[in-house]
Protein backbone atom coordinates (compact mmCIF):
# COMPACT_ATOMS: atom_id res chain seq x y z
CA MET A 1 0.24 0.10 0.31
CA GLU A 2 1.54 3.12 -1.16
CA GLN A 3 -1.38 5.74 -0.62
CA VAL A 4 -5.07 5.84 0.68
CA LYS A 5 -7.63 4.40 -0.83
CA PHE A 6 -10.09 7.50 0.38
CA THR A 7 -10.61 10.75 -1.02
CA GLN A 8 -12.73 11.77 1.88
CA MET A 9 -11.93 11.02 5.04
CA LYS A 10 -15.04 10.21 6.43
CA ASP A 11 -15.00 6.96 3.55
CA GLY A 12 -11.50 5.65 4.96
CA ASP A 13 -11.60 2.53 6.67
CA VAL A 14 -9.32 0.85 10.07
CA GLU A 15 -6.62 -0.05 6.92
CA ASP A 16 -6.32 3.42 5.27
CA TYR A 17 -5.58 4.45 9.15
CA ALA A 18 -2.90 2.50 9.77
CA PHE A 19 -1.19 2.89 6.94
CA LEU A 20 -1.09 6.12 7.44
CA THR A 21 -0.62 6.52 11.81
CA LYS A 22 2.87 4.79 10.75
CA HIS A 23 3.97 7.42 8.58
CA GLU A 24 2.66 9.99 10.68
CA ILE A 25 4.64 8.59 13.22
CA ASP A 26 8.07 7.95 10.98
CA TYR A 27 7.66 11.47 10.03
CA ALA A 28 7.30 13.05 13.12
CA LYS A 29 10.77 11.23 13.99
CA GLY A 30 12.49 13.82 11.73
CA THR A 31 10.81 16.73 13.74
CA ALA A 32 14.38 17.52 15.36
CA ASP A 33 16.08 17.64 11.91
CA ARG A 34 13.71 20.47 10.38
CA LEU A 35 13.70 22.33 13.25
CA LEU A 36 17.40 22.85 12.57
CA LYS A 37 16.82 23.74 9.36
CA ALA A 38 14.42 26.30 10.46
CA LEU A 39 16.87 27.36 12.83
CA VAL A 40 19.47 27.93 10.88
CA ASP A 41 16.40 30.21 8.13
CA LEU A 42 16.39 32.45 10.50
CA ASP A 43 19.80 33.74 9.09
CA GLU A 44 17.98 35.21 6.56
CA SER A 45 14.61 36.83 8.70
CA LEU A 46 14.49 40.28 10.29
CA SER A 47 16.94 42.54 10.01
CA GLY A 48 18.34 45.86 11.45
CA TYR A 49 19.86 44.44 14.77
CA GLN A 50 23.59 43.37 14.95
CA LEU A 51 23.51 39.92 15.17
CA THR A 52 20.53 37.75 13.04
CA ARG A 53 17.65 36.24 14.33
CA LEU A 54 19.63 33.28 14.54
CA GLY A 55 23.02 34.64 16.66
CA HIS A 56 21.16 35.86 19.20
CA SER A 57 18.93 32.23 19.62
CA VAL A 58 22.17 31.16 19.59
CA GLN A 59 23.71 33.51 21.81
CA SER A 60 20.60 33.31 24.50
CA ALA A 61 20.73 29.34 24.24
CA SER A 62 24.80 29.94 25.03
CA ARG A 63 24.19 32.43 28.54
CA ALA A 64 21.23 29.59 28.96
CA TRP A 65 24.10 26.92 29.19
CA ARG A 66 26.64 28.49 30.65
CA ASP A 67 24.14 29.54 33.65
CA GLY A 68 23.60 25.76 34.11
CA ALA A 69 19.97 25.67 33.04
CA ASP A 70 18.76 21.84 31.98
CA VAL A 71 18.44 21.02 28.98
CA ASP A 72 14.44 22.03 28.69
CA TRP A 73 15.68 25.45 29.54
CA VAL A 74 18.46 25.18 26.88
CA VAL A 75 16.20 24.40 23.86
CA SER A 76 13.54 26.16 25.00
CA THR A 77 15.87 29.21 24.50
CA LEU A 78 17.22 28.43 21.33
CA LEU A 79 13.80 27.64 20.23
CA HIS A 80 12.27 30.52 21.95
CA ASP A 81 12.10 32.74 18.66
CA ILE A 82 11.81 29.95 15.88
CA GLY A 83 8.45 31.74 14.88
CA ASP A 84 9.19 34.99 13.79
CA ILE A 85 9.61 33.58 9.74
CA TYR A 86 6.32 31.82 9.19
CA ALA A 87 4.35 34.20 12.33
CA PRO A 88 6.53 37.17 12.82
CA TYR A 89 2.63 38.35 15.18
CA ASN A 90 2.47 35.98 17.50
CA HIS A 91 5.67 34.55 17.29
CA ASP A 92 5.65 33.69 21.00
CA GLU A 93 2.31 31.93 21.03
CA TYR A 94 4.15 29.44 17.84
CA ALA A 95 6.97 28.56 19.31
CA ALA A 96 5.16 27.67 22.08
CA ALA A 97 3.05 25.07 20.10
CA VAL A 98 5.61 23.39 18.64
CA LEU A 99 8.02 22.98 22.27
CA ARG A 100 4.24 21.85 24.40
CA PRO A 101 4.06 18.87 24.20
CA PHE A 102 8.54 18.02 24.75
CA VAL A 103 9.20 20.66 27.43
CA ARG A 104 8.29 21.21 30.90
CA GLU A 105 4.86 23.10 31.23
CA GLN A 106 7.66 25.90 32.78
CA CYS A 107 9.50 26.08 29.49
CA ALA A 108 6.08 26.57 27.37
CA TRP A 109 4.69 28.89 29.37
CA THR A 110 7.32 31.39 29.43
CA VAL A 111 8.04 30.88 26.15
CA GLU A 112 4.73 31.80 25.15
CA VAL A 113 4.16 35.12 26.42
CA HIS A 114 8.36 36.18 26.97
CA GLY A 115 6.73 38.99 23.91
CA ASP A 116 5.18 40.12 26.96
CA PHE A 117 7.55 40.12 28.98
CA GLN A 118 10.41 41.77 26.21
CA LYS A 119 7.79 45.39 25.45
CA LEU A 120 9.27 46.06 29.66
CA TYR A 121 12.92 47.30 27.49
CA TYR A 122 11.12 49.53 24.20
CA ALA A 123 7.85 49.53 24.51
CA ASP A 124 8.06 52.63 25.86
CA LYS A 125 10.06 53.44 22.93
CA VAL A 126 7.65 52.61 19.98
CA GLY A 127 3.90 53.67 21.87
CA GLY A 128 3.33 50.71 23.62
CA ASN A 129 2.92 48.80 26.82
CA PRO A 130 5.79 48.46 28.46
CA ASN A 131 3.93 47.14 31.37
CA ALA A 132 1.81 44.68 29.22
CA ARG A 133 3.12 41.43 31.74
CA ASP A 134 1.71 42.45 34.59
CA LYS A 135 -1.68 40.90 33.39
CA TYR A 136 0.20 37.58 34.48
CA GLU A 137 1.44 38.84 38.35
CA GLY A 138 0.18 36.27 40.32
CA HIS A 139 1.00 33.86 38.08
CA GLN A 140 3.09 30.78 39.17
CA TYR A 141 5.75 30.94 37.08
CA PHE A 142 5.46 35.03 36.12
CA ASP A 143 9.09 35.38 37.78
CA ASP A 144 10.36 32.35 35.72
CA CYS A 145 9.65 34.45 32.48
CA ALA A 146 11.34 37.82 34.20
CA THR A 147 14.47 36.31 34.62
CA PHE A 148 14.63 34.53 31.05
CA CYS A 149 14.28 37.78 29.46
CA GLU A 150 16.33 39.96 32.06
CA ARG A 151 19.15 36.84 31.46
CA TRP A 152 19.11 35.60 28.99
CA ASP A 153 17.46 37.19 25.60
CA GLN A 154 17.39 40.88 26.50
CA THR A 155 21.18 40.47 26.85
CA SER A 156 22.13 38.48 23.20
CA PHE A 157 22.06 40.87 20.79
CA ASP A 158 26.25 41.33 21.20
CA PRO A 159 28.56 40.12 18.38
CA SER A 160 31.24 39.94 20.85
CA TYR A 161 29.61 37.52 23.28
CA ASP A 162 30.99 34.31 22.72
CA ASP A 163 28.45 32.40 20.92
CA LEU A 164 28.33 28.00 21.56
CA PRO A 165 28.18 27.04 17.56
CA LEU A 166 24.44 25.73 16.78
CA SER A 167 26.56 21.86 16.28
CA PHE A 168 26.74 21.93 19.75
CA PHE A 169 23.02 22.20 20.82
CA GLN A 170 21.33 19.89 18.19
CA PRO A 171 21.89 16.61 20.47
CA MET A 172 20.12 18.30 23.13
CA VAL A 173 17.37 19.58 20.06
CA ARG A 174 17.30 16.06 18.72
CA GLU A 175 16.47 14.65 22.75
CA VAL A 176 14.14 16.76 23.40
CA PHE A 177 12.20 16.26 20.25
CA ASP A 178 12.64 12.17 20.77
CA ARG A 179 10.55 12.38 23.84
CA GLN A 180 7.06 10.98 24.38
CA PRO A 181 4.62 13.79 23.53
CA TYR A 182 2.54 15.11 26.31
CA ASP A 183 4.08 12.70 28.79
CA PRO A 184 3.07 13.94 32.44
CA ALA A 185 7.02 12.94 33.98
CA VAL A 186 8.34 15.90 30.98
CA MET A 187 5.95 17.93 31.37
CA GLN A 188 5.01 18.16 35.09
CA PRO A 189 2.39 21.23 35.20
CA GLY A 190 3.25 23.09 38.39
CA VAL A 191 6.77 21.85 38.74
CA ARG A 192 9.43 25.40 39.04
CA VAL A 193 12.55 24.89 38.27
CA ALA A 194 15.49 27.33 38.72
CA LEU A 195 16.79 28.39 35.75
CA VAL A 196 20.71 29.09 36.83
CA ASP A 197 22.00 26.95 38.99
CA ASP A 198 25.44 28.13 40.06
CA ALA A 199 27.37 24.26 40.70
CA ILE A 200 25.58 23.41 37.22
CA ALA A 201 27.26 26.44 35.82
CA ALA A 202 30.83 26.34 37.71
CA GLU A 203 31.19 22.90 36.69
CA ARG A 204 30.62 23.91 32.50
CA ALA A 205 33.14 26.49 32.76
CA THR A 206 35.41 24.48 34.62
CA ALA A 207 34.86 21.18 31.91
CA ASN A 208 34.82 24.62 29.01
CA ALA A 209 38.24 25.64 30.41
CA GLU A 210 39.88 22.56 29.98
């Protein structure tokens, strides 16, 4: 069987949908590689900054890794602007939708709303509301998103920063997207993991220096 028999979904039978399910599972296995390719495409997205969007993404993830962040944080940070090409007006929601089945709820929520939190740094210069994040006041992950933006996002437009290469992060992206989607053990609703772990950061700095 190379194709389904139906031309309308309502006419499909068990054989058709078993065939499609296998194809969909096989296709999903390539998600990490497609995302890594999409990151490279960010080099050709929004211009005007001193870094491309790819450079910004890699620099943000480099800062997260050097802060001792776990793999969920690092991969979420790497991909937080992945929607810039296809969803420029809601890129944060787009990125969160990609990440949500595979990372901790804390990380997906942070990515989903980081656009509003980022307005703290620039909105008053463009006639916007720099306090847009205030509508999330009291949310369990509010401080996490504030830290994400302050330490990793708004800082990462520096062409002199020593970025780690995209290839460094490829195994982490594959690790995350090889997970069972929507696994409660991964998503961990309500769980908060610190963005910064000084002990791990020190270990990574030492290892990197050797």
